[in-house]
C-alpha atoms as a PDB file:
ATOM      1  CA  UNK A   1      14.021  -9.244 -21.691  1.00  0.00           C
ATOM      2  CA  UNK A   2      10.822 -11.933 -22.090  1.00  0.00           C
ATOM      3  CA  UNK A   3       7.437 -10.623 -20.309  1.00  0.00           C
ATOM      4  CA  UNK A   4       7.966 -14.134 -18.743  1.00  0.00           C
ATOM      5  CA  UNK A   5      11.019 -14.250 -17.340  1.00  0.00           C
ATOM      6  CA  UNK A   6      11.469 -10.154 -16.287  1.00  0.00           C
ATOM      7  CA  UNK A   7      11.128  -9.309 -12.325  1.00  0.00           C
ATOM      8  CA  UNK A   8       8.757  -6.000 -11.907  1.00  0.00           C
ATOM      9  CA  UNK A   9      11.213  -5.287  -9.235  1.00  0.00           C
ATOM     10  CA  UNK A  10      13.977  -5.041 -11.877  1.00  0.00           C
ATOM     11  CA  UNK A  11      12.775  -3.385 -14.773  1.00  0.00           C
ATOM     12  CA  UNK A  12      12.338   0.180 -15.709  1.00  0.00           C
ATOM     13  CA  UNK A  13      12.568   0.041 -19.492  1.00  0.00           C
ATOM     14  CA  UNK A  14       8.192  -0.612 -20.195  1.00  0.00           C
ATOM     15  CA  UNK A  15       5.751   0.227 -17.731  1.00  0.00           C
ATOM     16  CA  UNK A  16       3.855  -3.349 -17.121  1.00  0.00           C
ATOM     17  CA  UNK A  17       4.723  -6.313 -17.734  1.00  0.00           C
ATOM     18  CA  UNK A  18       2.116  -9.102 -18.496  1.00  0.00           C
ATOM     19  CA  UNK A  19       0.534 -12.696 -19.141  1.00  0.00           C
ATOM     20  CA  UNK A  20      -2.438 -14.035 -20.804  1.00  0.00           C
ATOM     21  CA  UNK A  21      -4.393 -16.981 -20.076  1.00  0.00           C
ATOM     22  CA  UNK A  22      -4.785 -20.070 -22.745  1.00  0.00           C
ATOM     23  CA  UNK A  23      -7.629 -19.677 -24.871  1.00  0.00           C
ATOM     24  CA  UNK A  24     -10.646 -18.065 -23.256  1.00  0.00           C
ATOM     25  CA  UNK A  25     -13.301 -15.539 -23.658  1.00  0.00           C
ATOM     26  CA  UNK A  26     -12.042 -12.479 -25.450  1.00  0.00           C
ATOM     27  CA  UNK A  27     -12.498  -8.725 -23.435  1.00  0.00           C
ATOM     28  CA  UNK A  28     -15.595  -6.960 -24.312  1.00  0.00           C
ATOM     29  CA  UNK A  29     -16.194  -3.125 -24.357  1.00  0.00           C
ATOM     30  CA  UNK A  30     -16.572  -3.747 -20.505  1.00  0.00           C
ATOM     31  CA  UNK A  31     -14.183  -5.146 -19.625  1.00  0.00           C
ATOM     32  CA  UNK A  32     -13.150  -4.700 -16.495  1.00  0.00           C
ATOM     33  CA  UNK A  33     -10.187  -5.970 -13.453  1.00  0.00           C
ATOM     34  CA  UNK A  34      -8.954  -6.768 -10.174  1.00  0.00           C
ATOM     35  CA  UNK A  35      -6.681  -4.395  -8.947  1.00  0.00           C
ATOM     36  CA  UNK A  36      -4.335  -5.299  -6.308  1.00  0.00           C
ATOM     37  CA  UNK A  37      -1.581  -2.968  -4.510  1.00  0.00           C
ATOM     38  CA  UNK A  38       1.954  -3.716  -3.220  1.00  0.00           C
ATOM     39  CA  UNK A  39       4.866  -3.169  -2.791  1.00  0.00           C
ATOM     40  CA  UNK A  40       8.226  -2.861  -4.082  1.00  0.00           C
ATOM     41  CA  UNK A  41       9.279  -5.817  -1.550  1.00  0.00           C
ATOM     42  CA  UNK A  42       6.785  -7.501  -2.472  1.00  0.00           C
ATOM     43  CA  UNK A  43       5.546  -7.460  -5.950  1.00  0.00           C
ATOM     44  CA  UNK A  44       7.746 -10.102  -7.316  1.00  0.00           C
ATOM     45  CA  UNK A  45       6.658 -12.999  -4.794  1.00  0.00           C
ATOM     46  CA  UNK A  46       2.537 -11.899  -5.918  1.00  0.00           C
ATOM     47  CA  UNK A  47       3.563 -11.487  -9.552  1.00  0.00           C
ATOM     48  CA  UNK A  48       4.801 -15.523 -10.017  1.00  0.00           C
ATOM     49  CA  UNK A  49       2.150 -16.597  -7.730  1.00  0.00           C
ATOM     50  CA  UNK A  50      -0.712 -14.287 -10.808  1.00  0.00           C
ATOM     51  CA  UNK A  51       1.382 -14.986 -13.238  1.00  0.00           C
ATOM     52  CA  UNK A  52       0.878 -19.076 -13.386  1.00  0.00           C
ATOM     53  CA  UNK A  53      -2.687 -19.092 -12.143  1.00  0.00           C
ATOM     54  CA  UNK A  54      -3.133 -16.465 -15.452  1.00  0.00           C
ATOM     55  CA  UNK A  55      -1.232 -19.059 -17.655  1.00  0.00           C
ATOM     56  CA  UNK A  56      -3.203 -21.827 -16.235  1.00  0.00           C
ATOM     57  CA  UNK A  57      -6.360 -20.492 -16.756  1.00  0.00           C
ATOM     58  CA  UNK A  58      -7.880 -20.273 -13.466  1.00  0.00           C
ATOM     59  CA  UNK A  59      -7.862 -16.232 -13.842  1.00  0.00           C
ATOM     60  CA  UNK A  60      -9.181 -13.880 -15.983  1.00  0.00           C
ATOM     61  CA  UNK A  61      -8.007 -13.560 -19.655  1.00  0.00           C
ATOM     62  CA  UNK A  62      -5.120 -11.734 -19.071  1.00  0.00           C
ATOM     63  CA  UNK A  63      -3.375 -10.216 -16.191  1.00  0.00           C
ATOM     64  CA  UNK A  64      -0.192  -7.299 -15.612  1.00  0.00           C
ATOM     65  CA  UNK A  65       1.537  -5.343 -13.057  1.00  0.00           C
ATOM     66  CA  UNK A  66       3.585  -2.043 -12.918  1.00  0.00           C
ATOM     67  CA  UNK A  67       6.911  -1.832 -12.636  1.00  0.00           C
ATOM     68  CA  UNK A  68       7.125   1.546 -11.840  1.00  0.00           C
ATOM     69  CA  UNK A  69       4.940   3.359  -8.603  1.00  0.00           C
ATOM     70  CA  UNK A  70       1.585   4.560  -8.978  1.00  0.00           C
ATOM     71  CA  UNK A  71       2.932   8.254  -8.604  1.00  0.00           C
ATOM     72  CA  UNK A  72       5.795  10.799  -6.516  1.00  0.00           C
ATOM     73  CA  UNK A  73       4.421  10.372  -3.682  1.00  0.00           C
ATOM     74  CA  UNK A  74       4.154   6.443  -3.272  1.00  0.00           C
ATOM     75  CA  UNK A  75       7.711   5.228  -4.944  1.00  0.00           C
ATOM     76  CA  UNK A  76       7.202   1.643  -3.334  1.00  0.00           C
ATOM     77  CA  UNK A  77       3.946   0.670  -4.690  1.00  0.00           C
ATOM     78  CA  UNK A  78       3.073  -1.492  -7.410  1.00  0.00           C
ATOM     79  CA  UNK A  79      -0.141  -2.217  -8.835  1.00  0.00           C
ATOM     80  CA  UNK A  80      -1.167  -6.095 -10.474  1.00  0.00           C
ATOM     81  CA  UNK A  81      -4.740  -5.538 -12.497  1.00  0.00           C
ATOM     82  CA  UNK A  82      -6.149  -9.618 -12.877  1.00  0.00           C
ATOM     83  CA  UNK A  83      -8.153  -9.162 -16.733  1.00  0.00           C
ATOM     84  CA  UNK A  84     -11.985  -9.809 -16.569  1.00  0.00           C
ATOM     85  CA  UNK A  85     -14.167  -9.786 -19.765  1.00  0.00           C
ATOM     86  CA  UNK A  86     -16.789  -8.715 -18.966  1.00  0.00           C
ATOM     87  CA  UNK A  87     -17.769  -5.972 -16.315  1.00  0.00           C
ATOM     88  CA  UNK A  88     -21.757  -7.168 -16.900  1.00  0.00           C
ATOM     89  CA  UNK A  89     -20.590 -11.139 -16.288  1.00  0.00           C
ATOM     90  CA  UNK A  90     -20.932 -10.437 -12.300  1.00  0.00           C
ATOM     91  CA  UNK A  91     -20.491 -15.004 -11.166  1.00  0.00           C
ATOM     92  CA  UNK A  92     -17.153 -14.106 -13.589  1.00  0.00           C
ATOM     93  CA  UNK A  93     -15.776 -11.343 -11.495  1.00  0.00           C
ATOM     94  CA  UNK A  94     -16.461 -13.486  -8.454  1.00  0.00           C
ATOM     95  CA  UNK A  95     -15.029 -16.714  -9.605  1.00  0.00           C
ATOM     96  CA  UNK A  96     -11.958 -14.428 -10.768  1.00  0.00           C
ATOM     97  CA  UNK A  97     -12.501 -12.578  -6.789  1.00  0.00           C
ATOM     98  CA  UNK A  98     -12.464 -16.393  -4.960  1.00  0.00           C
ATOM     99  CA  UNK A  99      -9.557 -17.400  -7.020  1.00  0.00           C
ATOM    100  CA  UNK A 100      -7.410 -14.362  -5.892  1.00  0.00           C
ATOM    101  CA  UNK A 101      -8.266 -14.763  -3.012  1.00  0.00           C
ATOM    102  CA  UNK A 102      -8.109 -18.780  -3.005  1.00  0.00           C
ATOM    103  CA  UNK A 103      -3.913 -17.985  -3.791  1.00  0.00           C
ATOM    104  CA  UNK A 104      -3.499 -15.535  -0.342  1.00  0.00           C
ATOM    105  CA  UNK A 105      -4.082 -11.912  -2.509  1.00  0.00           C
ATOM    106  CA  UNK A 106      -5.286  -9.182   0.166  1.00  0.00           C
ATOM    107  CA  UNK A 107      -8.649  -9.009   0.655  1.00  0.00           C
ATOM    108  CA  UNK A 108      -9.270  -5.559  -0.378  1.00  0.00           C
ATOM    109  CA  UNK A 109      -8.895  -5.606  -3.811  1.00  0.00           C
ATOM    110  CA  UNK A 110     -10.658  -2.790  -5.902  1.00  0.00           C
ATOM    111  CA  UNK A 111     -12.341  -4.149  -9.163  1.00  0.00           C
ATOM    112  CA  UNK A 112     -12.520  -1.513 -11.806  1.00  0.00           C
ATOM    113  CA  UNK A 113     -14.111  -1.056 -15.363  1.00  0.00           C
ATOM    114  CA  UNK A 114     -12.201   0.038 -18.399  1.00  0.00           C
ATOM    115  CA  UNK A 115     -14.914   2.501 -18.810  1.00  0.00           C
ATOM    116  CA  UNK A 116     -14.416   4.077 -15.150  1.00  0.00           C
ATOM    117  CA  UNK A 117     -10.683   4.789 -15.956  1.00  0.00           C
ATOM    118  CA  UNK A 118     -11.879   6.780 -19.168  1.00  0.00           C
ATOM    119  CA  UNK A 119     -13.790   8.956 -16.985  1.00  0.00           C
END
């Protein structure tokens, strides 16, 4: 199934479903992302909102949603990443955060850099 039509709550063959923004800035080696935790019951609706905003160029250069739990201890948990092109561009990071909040995302989002994930 193509990512544009995929429902995260009903996919298990791939770990992530992605949505890309049109054009925009390419990610640097210092890229990062806003991490949004959700549940299996809410992931489809949140993903529809984020996927549309990403495709409209309102968020980062790419977004992705997990289709599997993060651990066996939390089988209903899912996560959405809204990618930013450079973790040193604080204005862009805050612009994306404000856009996510305007879309109704929870205010407990966490920002992480790719470098933090590699450590």
